[in-house]
Amino acid sequence: MKKLFFFKSGFVLLAMLPLTAFAYPIDVQKELNGLKIDYTTYASDYDLGSITVNNYGEIPAECAVVFRNGPESPKTRRVNLDAGKSADLSAKFNRKIIKLYISMTCKPK
């Protein structure tokens, strides 16, 4: 039977957390064409990149988001955003992401 010793400082809980963390830089280039669009990027996993696109304007928008990870082929995601709505977009790659490049182009619908 295994026994765990708990200390007041919570050392055992911290020791149970994974020792490795994945974080990579994300570079975003945007062309918004006067729209009130905002975004938030996420390093979701070592081979998965995500972005949340928010339309704060009063005009619906069509957005194309291109994810690039070095030598792999770019992955394009397209979304139609109504006024006041948001959308989550992601791309999974075959290799570990070292740096993720995202190009976002939005135009009025």
PDB file of N, CA and C in Angstrom:
ATOM      1  N   MET A   1       0.832  -1.174   0.000  1.00  0.00           N
ATOM      2  CA  MET A   1       0.000   0.000   0.000  1.00  0.00           C
ATOM      3  C   MET A   1       0.886   1.252   0.000  1.00  0.00           C
ATOM      4  N   LYS A   2       0.591   2.160  -0.888  1.00  0.00           N
ATOM      5  CA  LYS A   2       1.372   3.379  -0.992  1.00  0.00           C
ATOM      6  C   LYS A   2       0.791   4.436  -0.070  1.00  0.00           C
ATOM      7  N   LYS A   3       1.672   5.193   0.524  1.00  0.00           N
ATOM      8  CA  LYS A   3       1.239   6.270   1.405  1.00  0.00           C
ATOM      9  C   LYS A   3       1.750   7.590   0.855  1.00  0.00           C
ATOM     10  N   LEU A   4       0.918   8.589   0.923  1.00  0.00           N
ATOM     11  CA  LEU A   4       1.310   9.936   0.541  1.00  0.00           C
ATOM     12  C   LEU A   4       1.368  10.793   1.789  1.00  0.00           C
ATOM     13  N   PHE A   5       2.376  11.591   1.901  1.00  0.00           N
ATOM     14  CA  PHE A   5       2.499  12.497   3.016  1.00  0.00           C
ATOM     15  C   PHE A   5       2.145  13.894   2.532  1.00  0.00           C
ATOM     16  N   PHE A   6       1.220  14.530   3.216  1.00  0.00           N
ATOM     17  CA  PHE A   6       0.788  15.867   2.837  1.00  0.00           C
ATOM     18  C   PHE A   6       1.388  16.883   3.790  1.00  0.00           C
ATOM     19  N   PHE A   7       1.925  17.913   3.225  1.00  0.00           N
ATOM     20  CA  PHE A   7       2.500  18.985   4.019  1.00  0.00           C
ATOM     21  C   PHE A   7       1.557  20.175   3.958  1.00  0.00           C
ATOM     22  N   LYS A   8       1.660  21.051   4.928  1.00  0.00           N
ATOM     23  CA  LYS A   8       0.787  22.220   4.980  1.00  0.00           C
ATOM     24  C   LYS A   8       0.988  23.130   3.769  1.00  0.00           C
ATOM     25  N   SER A   9       2.161  23.097   3.182  1.00  0.00           N
ATOM     26  CA  SER A   9       2.447  23.998   2.068  1.00  0.00           C
ATOM     27  C   SER A   9       1.868  23.493   0.740  1.00  0.00           C
ATOM     28  N   GLY A  10       1.343  22.290   0.705  1.00  0.00           N
ATOM     29  CA  GLY A  10       0.784  21.759  -0.525  1.00  0.00           C
ATOM     30  C   GLY A  10       1.848  21.264  -1.482  1.00  0.00           C
ATOM     31  N   PHE A  11       3.016  20.903  -0.967  1.00  0.00           N
ATOM     32  CA  PHE A  11       4.129  20.458  -1.801  1.00  0.00           C
ATOM     33  C   PHE A  11       3.763  19.248  -2.649  1.00  0.00           C
ATOM     34  N   VAL A  12       2.999  18.345  -2.094  1.00  0.00           N
ATOM     35  CA  VAL A  12       2.636  17.138  -2.836  1.00  0.00           C
ATOM     36  C   VAL A  12       1.788  17.495  -4.050  1.00  0.00           C
ATOM     37  N   LEU A  13       0.887  18.441  -3.901  1.00  0.00           N
ATOM     38  CA  LEU A  13       0.060  18.844  -5.029  1.00  0.00           C
ATOM     39  C   LEU A  13       0.896  19.483  -6.135  1.00  0.00           C
ATOM     40  N   LEU A  14       1.860  20.299  -5.769  1.00  0.00           N
ATOM     41  CA  LEU A  14       2.719  20.915  -6.774  1.00  0.00           C
ATOM     42  C   LEU A  14       3.601  19.876  -7.455  1.00  0.00           C
ATOM     43  N   ALA A  15       4.029  18.883  -6.725  1.00  0.00           N
ATOM     44  CA  ALA A  15       4.882  17.860  -7.308  1.00  0.00           C
ATOM     45  C   ALA A  15       4.124  16.990  -8.299  1.00  0.00           C
ATOM     46  N   MET A  16       2.802  16.956  -8.214  1.00  0.00           N
ATOM     47  CA  MET A  16       2.008  16.132  -9.099  1.00  0.00           C
ATOM     48  C   MET A  16       1.707  16.822 -10.427  1.00  0.00           C
ATOM     49  N   LEU A  17       1.977  18.114 -10.523  1.00  0.00           N
ATOM     50  CA  LEU A  17       1.748  18.841 -11.769  1.00  0.00           C
ATOM     51  C   LEU A  17       2.795  18.440 -12.801  1.00  0.00           C
ATOM     52  N   PRO A  18       2.471  18.539 -14.077  1.00  0.00           N
ATOM     53  CA  PRO A  18       3.464  18.198 -15.106  1.00  0.00           C
ATOM     54  C   PRO A  18       4.672  19.127 -15.030  1.00  0.00           C
ATOM     55  N   LEU A  19       5.832  18.584 -15.320  1.00  0.00           N
ATOM     56  CA  LEU A  19       7.055  19.360 -15.231  1.00  0.00           C
ATOM     57  C   LEU A  19       7.327  20.166 -16.489  1.00  0.00           C
ATOM     58  N   THR A  20       6.766  19.775 -17.599  1.00  0.00           N
ATOM     59  CA  THR A  20       7.007  20.499 -18.840  1.00  0.00           C
ATOM     60  C   THR A  20       5.800  21.363 -19.179  1.00  0.00           C
ATOM     61  N   ALA A  21       6.082  22.503 -19.734  1.00  0.00           N
ATOM     62  CA  ALA A  21       5.018  23.397 -20.170  1.00  0.00           C
ATOM     63  C   ALA A  21       5.297  23.772 -21.624  1.00  0.00           C
ATOM     64  N   PHE A  22       4.247  23.904 -22.395  1.00  0.00           N
ATOM     65  CA  PHE A  22       4.430  24.305 -23.772  1.00  0.00           C
ATOM     66  C   PHE A  22       3.978  25.754 -23.894  1.00  0.00           C
ATOM     67  N   ALA A  23       4.794  26.534 -24.473  1.00  0.00           N
ATOM     68  CA  ALA A  23       4.467  27.920 -24.770  1.00  0.00           C
ATOM     69  C   ALA A  23       5.334  28.317 -25.947  1.00  0.00           C
ATOM     70  N   TYR A  24       4.730  28.932 -26.898  1.00  0.00           N
ATOM     71  CA  TYR A  24       5.465  29.371 -28.072  1.00  0.00           C
ATOM     72  C   TYR A  24       4.956  30.752 -28.445  1.00  0.00           C
ATOM     73  N   PRO A  25       5.804  31.566 -29.057  1.00  0.00           N
ATOM     74  CA  PRO A  25       5.368  32.904 -29.455  1.00  0.00           C
ATOM     75  C   PRO A  25       4.401  32.840 -30.637  1.00  0.00           C
ATOM     76  N   ILE A  26       3.465  33.767 -30.634  1.00  0.00           N
ATOM     77  CA  ILE A  26       2.475  33.858 -31.708  1.00  0.00           C
ATOM     78  C   ILE A  26       2.537  35.264 -32.283  1.00  0.00           C
ATOM     79  N   ASP A  27       2.770  35.362 -33.579  1.00  0.00           N
ATOM     80  CA  ASP A  27       2.864  36.635 -34.281  1.00  0.00           C
ATOM     81  C   ASP A  27       1.617  36.782 -35.153  1.00  0.00           C
ATOM     82  N   VAL A  28       0.861  37.878 -34.950  1.00  0.00           N
ATOM     83  CA  VAL A  28      -0.387  38.102 -35.699  1.00  0.00           C
ATOM     84  C   VAL A  28      -0.239  39.336 -36.579  1.00  0.00           C
ATOM     85  N   GLN A  29      -0.538  39.153 -37.869  1.00  0.00           N
ATOM     86  CA  GLN A  29      -0.622  40.272 -38.802  1.00  0.00           C
ATOM     87  C   GLN A  29      -2.087  40.403 -39.185  1.00  0.00           C
ATOM     88  N   LYS A  30      -2.611  41.610 -39.089  1.00  0.00           N
ATOM     89  CA  LYS A  30      -4.042  41.802 -39.328  1.00  0.00           C
ATOM     90  C   LYS A  30      -4.295  42.903 -40.348  1.00  0.00           C
ATOM     91  N   GLU A  31      -5.317  42.679 -41.138  1.00  0.00           N
ATOM     92  CA  GLU A  31      -5.815  43.664 -42.088  1.00  0.00           C
ATOM     93  C   GLU A  31      -7.321  43.722 -41.859  1.00  0.00           C
ATOM     94  N   LEU A  32      -7.763  44.773 -41.156  1.00  0.00           N
ATOM     95  CA  LEU A  32      -9.153  44.817 -40.687  1.00  0.00           C
ATOM     96  C   LEU A  32     -10.065  45.668 -41.552  1.00  0.00           C
ATOM     97  N   ASN A  33      -9.532  46.452 -42.456  1.00  0.00           N
ATOM     98  CA  ASN A  33     -10.333  47.276 -43.378  1.00  0.00           C
ATOM     99  C   ASN A  33     -11.372  48.132 -42.658  1.00  0.00           C
ATOM    100  N   GLY A  34     -10.973  48.750 -41.533  1.00  0.00           N
ATOM    101  CA  GLY A  34     -11.848  49.666 -40.812  1.00  0.00           C
ATOM    102  C   GLY A  34     -12.887  49.011 -39.915  1.00  0.00           C
ATOM    103  N   LEU A  35     -12.891  47.706 -39.817  1.00  0.00           N
ATOM    104  CA  LEU A  35     -13.859  46.999 -38.963  1.00  0.00           C
ATOM    105  C   LEU A  35     -13.388  46.993 -37.515  1.00  0.00           C
ATOM    106  N   LYS A  36     -14.332  46.889 -36.599  1.00  0.00           N
ATOM    107  CA  LYS A  36     -14.007  46.822 -35.171  1.00  0.00           C
ATOM    108  C   LYS A  36     -13.875  45.353 -34.766  1.00  0.00           C
ATOM    109  N   ILE A  37     -12.738  44.782 -35.132  1.00  0.00           N
ATOM    110  CA  ILE A  37     -12.455  43.369 -34.876  1.00  0.00           C
ATOM    111  C   ILE A  37     -11.313  43.287 -33.867  1.00  0.00           C
ATOM    112  N   ASP A  38     -11.445  42.407 -32.894  1.00  0.00           N
ATOM    113  CA  ASP A  38     -10.393  42.159 -31.917  1.00  0.00           C
ATOM    114  C   ASP A  38     -10.135  40.653 -31.867  1.00  0.00           C
ATOM    115  N   TYR A  39      -8.996  40.263 -31.328  1.00  0.00           N
ATOM    116  CA  TYR A  39      -8.659  38.842 -31.297  1.00  0.00           C
ATOM    117  C   TYR A  39      -7.896  38.513 -30.017  1.00  0.00           C
ATOM    118  N   THR A  40      -7.900  37.246 -29.667  1.00  0.00           N
ATOM    119  CA  THR A  40      -7.110  36.699 -28.573  1.00  0.00           C
ATOM    120  C   THR A  40      -6.507  35.390 -29.063  1.00  0.00           C
ATOM    121  N   THR A  41      -5.197  35.216 -28.889  1.00  0.00           N
ATOM    122  CA  THR A  41      -4.541  33.996 -29.342  1.00  0.00           C
ATOM    123  C   THR A  41      -4.246  33.089 -28.156  1.00  0.00           C
ATOM    124  N   TYR A  42      -4.153  31.784 -28.453  1.00  0.00           N
ATOM    125  CA  TYR A  42      -3.895  30.783 -27.426  1.00  0.00           C
ATOM    126  C   TYR A  42      -2.887  29.753 -27.944  1.00  0.00           C
ATOM    127  N   ALA A  43      -1.949  29.379 -27.089  1.00  0.00           N
ATOM    128  CA  ALA A  43      -1.060  28.252 -27.370  1.00  0.00           C
ATOM    129  C   ALA A  43      -1.734  27.035 -26.742  1.00  0.00           C
ATOM    130  N   SER A  44      -2.673  26.439 -27.444  1.00  0.00           N
ATOM    131  CA  SER A  44      -3.520  25.387 -26.887  1.00  0.00           C
ATOM    132  C   SER A  44      -2.769  24.108 -26.568  1.00  0.00           C
ATOM    133  N   ASP A  45      -1.894  23.687 -27.442  1.00  0.00           N
ATOM    134  CA  ASP A  45      -1.121  22.460 -27.261  1.00  0.00           C
ATOM    135  C   ASP A  45       0.177  22.621 -28.043  1.00  0.00           C
ATOM    136  N   TYR A  46       1.087  21.687 -27.910  1.00  0.00           N
ATOM    137  CA  TYR A  46       2.383  21.822 -28.571  1.00  0.00           C
ATOM    138  C   TYR A  46       2.271  21.813 -30.090  1.00  0.00           C
ATOM    139  N   ASP A  47       1.168  21.282 -30.641  1.00  0.00           N
ATOM    140  CA  ASP A  47       0.980  21.254 -32.096  1.00  0.00           C
ATOM    141  C   ASP A  47      -0.352  21.863 -32.532  1.00  0.00           C
ATOM    142  N   LEU A  48      -0.970  22.646 -31.653  1.00  0.00           N
ATOM    143  CA  LEU A  48      -2.293  23.222 -31.919  1.00  0.00           C
ATOM    144  C   LEU A  48      -2.291  24.698 -31.554  1.00  0.00           C
ATOM    145  N   GLY A  49      -2.672  25.539 -32.502  1.00  0.00           N
ATOM    146  CA  GLY A  49      -2.787  26.974 -32.261  1.00  0.00           C
ATOM    147  C   GLY A  49      -4.234  27.410 -32.419  1.00  0.00           C
ATOM    148  N   SER A  50      -4.656  28.384 -31.599  1.00  0.00           N
ATOM    149  CA  SER A  50      -6.046  28.837 -31.623  1.00  0.00           C
ATOM    150  C   SER A  50      -6.116  30.356 -31.558  1.00  0.00           C
ATOM    151  N   ILE A  51      -7.213  30.872 -32.091  1.00  0.00           N
ATOM    152  CA  ILE A  51      -7.482  32.302 -32.022  1.00  0.00           C
ATOM    153  C   ILE A  51      -8.984  32.489 -31.849  1.00  0.00           C
ATOM    154  N   THR A  52      -9.366  33.459 -31.035  1.00  0.00           N
ATOM    155  CA  THR A  52     -10.764  33.862 -30.892  1.00  0.00           C
ATOM    156  C   THR A  52     -10.904  35.223 -31.546  1.00  0.00           C
ATOM    157  N   VAL A  53     -11.816  35.335 -32.492  1.00  0.00           N
ATOM    158  CA  VAL A  53     -12.045  36.579 -33.231  1.00  0.00           C
ATOM    159  C   VAL A  53     -13.377  37.151 -32.780  1.00  0.00           C
ATOM    160  N   ASN A  54     -13.374  38.437 -32.371  1.00  0.00           N
ATOM    161  CA  ASN A  54     -14.577  39.119 -31.883  1.00  0.00           C
ATOM    162  C   ASN A  54     -14.928  40.279 -32.797  1.00  0.00           C
ATOM    163  N   ASN A  55     -16.196  40.387 -33.173  1.00  0.00           N
ATOM    164  CA  ASN A  55     -16.681  41.503 -33.987  1.00  0.00           C
ATOM    165  C   ASN A  55     -17.445  42.453 -33.067  1.00  0.00           C
ATOM    166  N   TYR A  56     -16.813  43.577 -32.704  1.00  0.00           N
ATOM    167  CA  TYR A  56     -17.436  44.561 -31.831  1.00  0.00           C
ATOM    168  C   TYR A  56     -18.188  45.635 -32.601  1.00  0.00           C
ATOM    169  N   GLY A  57     -18.143  45.590 -33.904  1.00  0.00           N
ATOM    170  CA  GLY A  57     -18.802  46.598 -34.730  1.00  0.00           C
ATOM    171  C   GLY A  57     -20.262  46.276 -34.972  1.00  0.00           C
ATOM    172  N   GLU A  58     -20.892  47.119 -35.800  1.00  0.00           N
ATOM    173  CA  GLU A  58     -22.300  46.947 -36.146  1.00  0.00           C
ATOM    174  C   GLU A  58     -22.477  46.368 -37.542  1.00  0.00           C
ATOM    175  N   ILE A  59     -21.368  46.031 -38.194  1.00  0.00           N
ATOM    176  CA  ILE A  59     -21.395  45.511 -39.559  1.00  0.00           C
ATOM    177  C   ILE A  59     -20.914  44.056 -39.541  1.00  0.00           C
ATOM    178  N   PRO A  60     -21.631  43.143 -40.202  1.00  0.00           N
ATOM    179  CA  PRO A  60     -21.131  41.767 -40.314  1.00  0.00           C
ATOM    180  C   PRO A  60     -19.818  41.730 -41.094  1.00  0.00           C
ATOM    181  N   ALA A  61     -18.981  40.754 -40.784  1.00  0.00           N
ATOM    182  CA  ALA A  61     -17.657  40.675 -41.409  1.00  0.00           C
ATOM    183  C   ALA A  61     -17.366  39.261 -41.893  1.00  0.00           C
ATOM    184  N   GLU A  62     -16.562  39.188 -42.952  1.00  0.00           N
ATOM    185  CA  GLU A  62     -16.024  37.922 -43.454  1.00  0.00           C
ATOM    186  C   GLU A  62     -14.534  37.932 -43.150  1.00  0.00           C
ATOM    187  N   CYS A  63     -14.057  36.922 -42.427  1.00  0.00           N
ATOM    188  CA  CYS A  63     -12.650  36.871 -42.050  1.00  0.00           C
ATOM    189  C   CYS A  63     -12.002  35.588 -42.557  1.00  0.00           C
ATOM    190  N   ALA A  64     -10.766  35.724 -42.993  1.00  0.00           N
ATOM    191  CA  ALA A  64      -9.937  34.583 -43.377  1.00  0.00           C
ATOM    192  C   ALA A  64      -8.696  34.617 -42.488  1.00  0.00           C
ATOM    193  N   VAL A  65      -8.442  33.516 -41.802  1.00  0.00           N
ATOM    194  CA  VAL A  65      -7.311  33.416 -40.894  1.00  0.00           C
ATOM    195  C   VAL A  65      -6.389  32.318 -41.410  1.00  0.00           C
ATOM    196  N   VAL A  66      -5.106  32.660 -41.595  1.00  0.00           N
ATOM    197  CA  VAL A  66      -4.122  31.703 -42.105  1.00  0.00           C
ATOM    198  C   VAL A  66      -3.116  31.417 -40.996  1.00  0.00           C
ATOM    199  N   PHE A  67      -2.981  30.142 -40.635  1.00  0.00           N
ATOM    200  CA  PHE A  67      -2.025  29.694 -39.631  1.00  0.00           C
ATOM    201  C   PHE A  67      -0.794  29.146 -40.349  1.00  0.00           C
ATOM    202  N   ARG A  68       0.413  29.600 -39.943  1.00  0.00           N
ATOM    203  CA  ARG A  68       1.662  29.110 -40.540  1.00  0.00           C
ATOM    204  C   ARG A  68       2.598  28.649 -39.430  1.00  0.00           C
ATOM    205  N   ASN A  69       3.223  27.502 -39.664  1.00  0.00           N
ATOM    206  CA  ASN A  69       4.194  26.940 -38.727  1.00  0.00           C
ATOM    207  C   ASN A  69       5.394  26.446 -39.516  1.00  0.00           C
ATOM    208  N   GLY A  70       6.300  27.346 -39.821  1.00  0.00           N
ATOM    209  CA  GLY A  70       7.528  26.946 -40.509  1.00  0.00           C
ATOM    210  C   GLY A  70       7.284  26.292 -41.856  1.00  0.00           C
ATOM    211  N   PRO A  71       7.888  25.109 -42.075  1.00  0.00           N
ATOM    212  CA  PRO A  71       7.850  24.496 -43.401  1.00  0.00           C
ATOM    213  C   PRO A  71       6.531  23.800 -43.760  1.00  0.00           C
ATOM    214  N   GLU A  72       5.639  23.628 -42.807  1.00  0.00           N
ATOM    215  CA  GLU A  72       4.374  22.958 -43.122  1.00  0.00           C
ATOM    216  C   GLU A  72       3.484  23.854 -43.966  1.00  0.00           C
ATOM    217  N   SER A  73       2.565  23.250 -44.672  1.00  0.00           N
ATOM    218  CA  SER A  73       1.653  24.033 -45.508  1.00  0.00           C
ATOM    219  C   SER A  73       0.721  24.859 -44.623  1.00  0.00           C
ATOM    220  N   PRO A  74       0.426  26.098 -45.045  1.00  0.00           N
ATOM    221  CA  PRO A  74      -0.452  26.957 -44.255  1.00  0.00           C
ATOM    222  C   PRO A  74      -1.868  26.388 -44.195  1.00  0.00           C
ATOM    223  N   LYS A  75      -2.531  26.660 -43.096  1.00  0.00           N
ATOM    224  CA  LYS A  75      -3.908  26.197 -42.903  1.00  0.00           C
ATOM    225  C   LYS A  75      -4.808  27.427 -42.836  1.00  0.00           C
ATOM    226  N   THR A  76      -5.806  27.481 -43.716  1.00  0.00           N
ATOM    227  CA  THR A  76      -6.711  28.631 -43.796  1.00  0.00           C
ATOM    228  C   THR A  76      -8.051  28.275 -43.188  1.00  0.00           C
ATOM    229  N   ARG A  77      -8.565  29.158 -42.349  1.00  0.00           N
ATOM    230  CA  ARG A  77      -9.897  29.017 -41.757  1.00  0.00           C
ATOM    231  C   ARG A  77     -10.676  30.275 -42.102  1.00  0.00           C
ATOM    232  N   ARG A  78     -11.925  30.094 -42.522  1.00  0.00           N
ATOM    233  CA  ARG A  78     -12.791  31.228 -42.883  1.00  0.00           C
ATOM    234  C   ARG A  78     -14.005  31.243 -41.971  1.00  0.00           C
ATOM    235  N   VAL A  79     -14.446  32.472 -41.633  1.00  0.00           N
ATOM    236  CA  VAL A  79     -15.601  32.604 -40.747  1.00  0.00           C
ATOM    237  C   VAL A  79     -16.379  33.863 -41.121  1.00  0.00           C
ATOM    238  N   ASN A  80     -17.700  33.771 -41.023  1.00  0.00           N
ATOM    239  CA  ASN A  80     -18.581  34.928 -41.167  1.00  0.00           C
ATOM    240  C   ASN A  80     -19.027  35.328 -39.776  1.00  0.00           C
ATOM    241  N   LEU A  81     -18.726  36.572 -39.404  1.00  0.00           N
ATOM    242  CA  LEU A  81     -19.065  37.062 -38.068  1.00  0.00           C
ATOM    243  C   LEU A  81     -20.162  38.110 -38.156  1.00  0.00           C
ATOM    244  N   ASP A  82     -21.288  37.840 -37.525  1.00  0.00           N
ATOM    245  CA  ASP A  82     -22.334  38.843 -37.410  1.00  0.00           C
ATOM    246  C   ASP A  82     -21.896  39.892 -36.388  1.00  0.00           C
ATOM    247  N   ALA A  83     -22.569  41.020 -36.384  1.00  0.00           N
ATOM    248  CA  ALA A  83     -22.239  42.085 -35.440  1.00  0.00           C
ATOM    249  C   ALA A  83     -22.406  41.585 -34.007  1.00  0.00           C
ATOM    250  N   GLY A  84     -21.399  41.847 -33.171  1.00  0.00           N
ATOM    251  CA  GLY A  84     -21.456  41.461 -31.772  1.00  0.00           C
ATOM    252  C   GLY A  84     -21.164  39.995 -31.486  1.00  0.00           C
ATOM    253  N   LYS A  85     -20.767  39.230 -32.467  1.00  0.00           N
ATOM    254  CA  LYS A  85     -20.510  37.796 -32.286  1.00  0.00           C
ATOM    255  C   LYS A  85     -19.010  37.513 -32.262  1.00  0.00           C
ATOM    256  N   SER A  86     -18.662  36.284 -31.851  1.00  0.00           N
ATOM    257  CA  SER A  86     -17.263  35.852 -31.849  1.00  0.00           C
ATOM    258  C   SER A  86     -17.188  34.422 -32.362  1.00  0.00           C
ATOM    259  N   ALA A  87     -15.968  34.025 -32.739  1.00  0.00           N
ATOM    260  CA  ALA A  87     -15.749  32.664 -33.251  1.00  0.00           C
ATOM    261  C   ALA A  87     -14.363  32.197 -32.821  1.00  0.00           C
ATOM    262  N   ASP A  88     -14.267  30.900 -32.537  1.00  0.00           N
ATOM    263  CA  ASP A  88     -12.996  30.277 -32.192  1.00  0.00           C
ATOM    264  C   ASP A  88     -12.500  29.496 -33.406  1.00  0.00           C
ATOM    265  N   LEU A  89     -11.249  29.735 -33.791  1.00  0.00           N
ATOM    266  CA  LEU A  89     -10.632  29.045 -34.923  1.00  0.00           C
ATOM    267  C   LEU A  89      -9.340  28.400 -34.447  1.00  0.00           C
ATOM    268  N   SER A  90      -9.033  27.230 -34.981  1.00  0.00           N
ATOM    269  CA  SER A  90      -7.795  26.555 -34.583  1.00  0.00           C
ATOM    270  C   SER A  90      -7.220  25.771 -35.755  1.00  0.00           C
ATOM    271  N   ALA A  91      -5.954  25.422 -35.615  1.00  0.00           N
ATOM    272  CA  ALA A  91      -5.268  24.623 -36.624  1.00  0.00           C
ATOM    273  C   ALA A  91      -4.312  23.674 -35.911  1.00  0.00           C
ATOM    274  N   LYS A  92      -4.348  22.419 -36.322  1.00  0.00           N
ATOM    275  CA  LYS A  92      -3.462  21.399 -35.769  1.00  0.00           C
ATOM    276  C   LYS A  92      -2.397  21.082 -36.810  1.00  0.00           C
ATOM    277  N   PHE A  93      -1.150  21.018 -36.355  1.00  0.00           N
ATOM    278  CA  PHE A  93      -0.032  20.761 -37.239  1.00  0.00           C
ATOM    279  C   PHE A  93       0.566  19.385 -36.953  1.00  0.00           C
ATOM    280  N   ASN A  94       1.373  18.896 -37.885  1.00  0.00           N
ATOM    281  CA  ASN A  94       2.022  17.589 -37.727  1.00  0.00           C
ATOM    282  C   ASN A  94       3.278  17.663 -36.876  1.00  0.00           C
ATOM    283  N   ARG A  95       3.834  18.845 -36.728  1.00  0.00           N
ATOM    284  CA  ARG A  95       5.067  19.032 -35.975  1.00  0.00           C
ATOM    285  C   ARG A  95       4.830  19.941 -34.782  1.00  0.00           C
ATOM    286  N   LYS A  96       5.776  19.930 -33.865  1.00  0.00           N
ATOM    287  CA  LYS A  96       5.734  20.818 -32.715  1.00  0.00           C
ATOM    288  C   LYS A  96       5.877  22.259 -33.200  1.00  0.00           C
ATOM    289  N   ILE A  97       5.081  23.147 -32.665  1.00  0.00           N
ATOM    290  CA  ILE A  97       5.125  24.554 -33.054  1.00  0.00           C
ATOM    291  C   ILE A  97       6.258  25.237 -32.301  1.00  0.00           C
ATOM    292  N   ILE A  98       7.158  25.869 -33.041  1.00  0.00           N
ATOM    293  CA  ILE A  98       8.231  26.663 -32.453  1.00  0.00           C
ATOM    294  C   ILE A  98       7.785  28.120 -32.374  1.00  0.00           C
ATOM    295  N   LYS A  99       7.244  28.634 -33.467  1.00  0.00           N
ATOM    296  CA  LYS A  99       6.649  29.967 -33.523  1.00  0.00           C
ATOM    297  C   LYS A  99       5.488  29.900 -34.499  1.00  0.00           C
ATOM    298  N   LEU A 100       4.362  30.450 -34.104  1.00  0.00           N
ATOM    299  CA  LEU A 100       3.158  30.416 -34.928  1.00  0.00           C
ATOM    300  C   LEU A 100       2.924  31.791 -35.537  1.00  0.00           C
ATOM    301  N   TYR A 101       2.717  31.812 -36.837  1.00  0.00           N
ATOM    302  CA  TYR A 101       2.406  33.039 -37.566  1.00  0.00           C
ATOM    303  C   TYR A 101       0.948  32.983 -37.995  1.00  0.00           C
ATOM    304  N   ILE A 102       0.193  34.018 -37.648  1.00  0.00           N
ATOM    305  CA  ILE A 102      -1.220  34.075 -38.018  1.00  0.00           C
ATOM    306  C   ILE A 102      -1.455  35.354 -38.821  1.00  0.00           C
ATOM    307  N   SER A 103      -2.079  35.202 -39.993  1.00  0.00           N
ATOM    308  CA  SER A 103      -2.486  36.356 -40.809  1.00  0.00           C
ATOM    309  C   SER A 103      -4.012  36.384 -40.820  1.00  0.00           C
ATOM    310  N   MET A 104      -4.566  37.527 -40.430  1.00  0.00           N
ATOM    311  CA  MET A 104      -6.024  37.676 -40.360  1.00  0.00           C
ATOM    312  C   MET A 104      -6.445  38.816 -41.274  1.00  0.00           C
ATOM    313  N   THR A 105      -7.341  38.509 -42.215  1.00  0.00           N
ATOM    314  CA  THR A 105      -7.869  39.505 -43.138  1.00  0.00           C
ATOM    315  C   THR A 105      -9.386  39.501 -43.014  1.00  0.00           C
ATOM    316  N   CYS A 106      -9.946  40.670 -42.681  1.00  0.00           N
ATOM    317  CA  CYS A 106     -11.392  40.790 -42.531  1.00  0.00           C
ATOM    318  C   CYS A 106     -11.902  41.901 -43.443  1.00  0.00           C
ATOM    319  N   LYS A 107     -13.092  41.678 -44.003  1.00  0.00           N
ATOM    320  CA  LYS A 107     -13.717  42.703 -44.837  1.00  0.00           C
ATOM    321  C   LYS A 107     -15.207  42.715 -44.545  1.00  0.00           C
ATOM    322  N   PRO A 108     -15.868  43.845 -44.809  1.00  0.00           N
ATOM    323  CA  PRO A 108     -17.315  43.910 -44.578  1.00  0.00           C
ATOM    324  C   PRO A 108     -18.059  42.919 -45.447  1.00  0.00           C
ATOM    325  N   LYS A 109     -19.120  42.395 -44.920  1.00  0.00           N
ATOM    326  CA  LYS A 109     -19.918  41.400 -45.649  1.00  0.00           C
ATOM    327  C   LYS A 109     -20.947  42.094 -46.506  1.00  0.00           C
TER     328      LYS A 109
END
